[in-house]
Amino acid sequence: MNNPQVLEIIENLKGRRNYEEKKASKLGFNSLYTYIENKILKEKEAEAAKILEQSAPKEEVIEAEKPEKKKSCSCC
């Protein structure tokens, strides 16, 4: 319980606190703190994955997206 970011989020929940506590217990977390800490960790991982996706070479992506040419008649 040392993360100030988690504590700030909990303080700002106000009317949604009961809802978030129920959601945390339903998902199997022992406390609201661990639930929010896990939520923040998942957001950071998603951002890291997005950055890695953006840094992928564009040439490979373009080649994979080219559709096949369709033939002019349906009998071939």
C-alpha atoms as a PDB file:
ATOM      1  CA  MET A   1       0.000   0.000   0.000  1.00  0.00           C
ATOM      2  CA  ASN A   2       2.803   2.334  -0.858  1.00  0.00           C
ATOM      3  CA  ASN A   3       1.853   3.256  -4.408  1.00  0.00           C
ATOM      4  CA  PRO A   4       0.589   6.869  -4.331  1.00  0.00           C
ATOM      5  CA  GLN A   5      -1.029   6.525  -7.771  1.00  0.00           C
ATOM      6  CA  VAL A   6      -3.290   3.710  -6.539  1.00  0.00           C
ATOM      7  CA  LEU A   7      -4.175   5.602  -3.376  1.00  0.00           C
ATOM      8  CA  GLU A   8      -5.065   8.689  -5.423  1.00  0.00           C
ATOM      9  CA  ILE A   9      -7.364   6.668  -7.682  1.00  0.00           C
ATOM     10  CA  ILE A  10      -9.110   5.131  -4.664  1.00  0.00           C
ATOM     11  CA  GLU A  11      -9.625   8.570  -3.104  1.00  0.00           C
ATOM     12  CA  ASN A  12     -11.180   9.891  -6.318  1.00  0.00           C
ATOM     13  CA  LEU A  13     -13.687   7.044  -6.730  1.00  0.00           C
ATOM     14  CA  LYS A  14     -16.287   8.705  -4.486  1.00  0.00           C
ATOM     15  CA  GLY A  15     -19.673   7.251  -5.512  1.00  0.00           C
ATOM     16  CA  ARG A  16     -18.204   4.470  -7.632  1.00  0.00           C
ATOM     17  CA  ARG A  17     -16.225   2.994  -4.761  1.00  0.00           C
ATOM     18  CA  ASN A  18     -18.886   0.442  -3.775  1.00  0.00           C
ATOM     19  CA  TYR A  19     -19.235  -0.645  -7.393  1.00  0.00           C
ATOM     20  CA  GLU A  20     -15.470  -1.091  -7.807  1.00  0.00           C
ATOM     21  CA  GLU A  21     -15.216  -2.999  -4.498  1.00  0.00           C
ATOM     22  CA  LYS A  22     -17.933  -5.424  -5.605  1.00  0.00           C
ATOM     23  CA  LYS A  23     -16.264  -5.844  -8.981  1.00  0.00           C
ATOM     24  CA  ALA A  24     -12.889  -6.519  -7.331  1.00  0.00           C
ATOM     25  CA  SER A  25     -14.334  -9.173  -5.018  1.00  0.00           C
ATOM     26  CA  LYS A  26     -16.227 -10.753  -7.906  1.00  0.00           C
ATOM     27  CA  LEU A  27     -12.997 -11.042  -9.896  1.00  0.00           C
ATOM     28  CA  GLY A  28     -11.240 -12.667  -6.912  1.00  0.00           C
ATOM     29  CA  PHE A  29      -9.107  -9.830  -5.575  1.00  0.00           C
ATOM     30  CA  ASN A  30      -8.599  -9.567  -1.811  1.00  0.00           C
ATOM     31  CA  SER A  31      -8.858  -5.784  -1.734  1.00  0.00           C
ATOM     32  CA  LEU A  32      -9.699  -2.781  -3.829  1.00  0.00           C
ATOM     33  CA  TYR A  33      -6.036  -1.759  -3.690  1.00  0.00           C
ATOM     34  CA  THR A  34      -4.798  -4.959  -5.373  1.00  0.00           C
ATOM     35  CA  TYR A  35      -7.548  -4.716  -8.000  1.00  0.00           C
ATOM     36  CA  ILE A  36      -6.602  -1.165  -8.988  1.00  0.00           C
ATOM     37  CA  GLU A  37      -2.895  -2.000  -8.859  1.00  0.00           C
ATOM     38  CA  ASN A  38      -3.524  -4.866 -11.296  1.00  0.00           C
ATOM     39  CA  LYS A  39      -5.586  -2.570 -13.529  1.00  0.00           C
ATOM     40  CA  ILE A  40      -2.716  -0.067 -13.742  1.00  0.00           C
ATOM     41  CA  LEU A  41      -0.248  -2.862 -14.531  1.00  0.00           C
ATOM     42  CA  LYS A  42      -2.440  -4.107 -17.399  1.00  0.00           C
ATOM     43  CA  GLU A  43      -2.686  -0.571 -18.825  1.00  0.00           C
ATOM     44  CA  LYS A  44       1.105  -0.228 -18.794  1.00  0.00           C
ATOM     45  CA  GLU A  45       1.496  -3.598 -20.547  1.00  0.00           C
ATOM     46  CA  ALA A  46      -1.039  -2.564 -23.192  1.00  0.00           C
ATOM     47  CA  GLU A  47       0.873   0.664 -23.835  1.00  0.00           C
ATOM     48  CA  ALA A  48       4.132  -1.273 -24.181  1.00  0.00           C
ATOM     49  CA  ALA A  49       2.516  -3.674 -26.653  1.00  0.00           C
ATOM     50  CA  LYS A  50       1.137  -0.748 -28.648  1.00  0.00           C
ATOM     51  CA  ILE A  51       4.583   0.840 -28.853  1.00  0.00           C
ATOM     52  CA  LEU A  52       6.099  -2.443 -30.039  1.00  0.00           C
ATOM     53  CA  GLU A  53       3.377  -2.781 -32.653  1.00  0.00           C
ATOM     54  CA  GLN A  54       4.052   0.703 -33.969  1.00  0.00           C
ATOM     55  CA  SER A  55       7.791   0.063 -34.206  1.00  0.00           C
ATOM     56  CA  ALA A  56       7.312  -3.001 -36.465  1.00  0.00           C
ATOM     57  CA  PRO A  57       8.590  -2.533 -40.014  1.00  0.00           C
ATOM     58  CA  LYS A  58       5.786  -1.295 -42.249  1.00  0.00           C
ATOM     59  CA  GLU A  59       6.984  -3.175 -45.368  1.00  0.00           C
ATOM     60  CA  GLU A  60       6.141  -6.554 -43.863  1.00  0.00           C
ATOM     61  CA  VAL A  61       2.679  -5.395 -42.878  1.00  0.00           C
ATOM     62  CA  ILE A  62       1.906  -4.026 -46.354  1.00  0.00           C
ATOM     63  CA  GLU A  63       2.961  -7.250 -48.077  1.00  0.00           C
ATOM     64  CA  ALA A  64       0.753  -9.346 -45.838  1.00  0.00           C
ATOM     65  CA  GLU A  65      -2.329  -7.211 -46.516  1.00  0.00           C
ATOM     66  CA  LYS A  66      -2.303  -7.437 -50.344  1.00  0.00           C
ATOM     67  CA  PRO A  67      -5.432  -9.296 -51.520  1.00  0.00           C
ATOM     68  CA  GLU A  68      -5.319 -11.816 -54.347  1.00  0.00           C
ATOM     69  CA  LYS A  69      -6.387 -10.663 -57.790  1.00  0.00           C
ATOM     70  CA  LYS A  70      -9.811 -11.930 -58.803  1.00  0.00           C
ATOM     71  CA  LYS A  71     -10.358 -13.476 -62.178  1.00  0.00           C
ATOM     72  CA  SER A  72     -12.796 -11.841 -64.577  1.00  0.00           C
ATOM     73  CA  CYS A  73     -15.076 -14.839 -65.112  1.00  0.00           C
ATOM     74  CA  SER A  74     -16.576 -17.318 -62.665  1.00  0.00           C
ATOM     75  CA  CYS A  75     -15.770 -20.423 -64.677  1.00  0.00           C
ATOM     76  CA  CYS A  76     -11.984 -20.272 -64.135  1.00  0.00           C
END
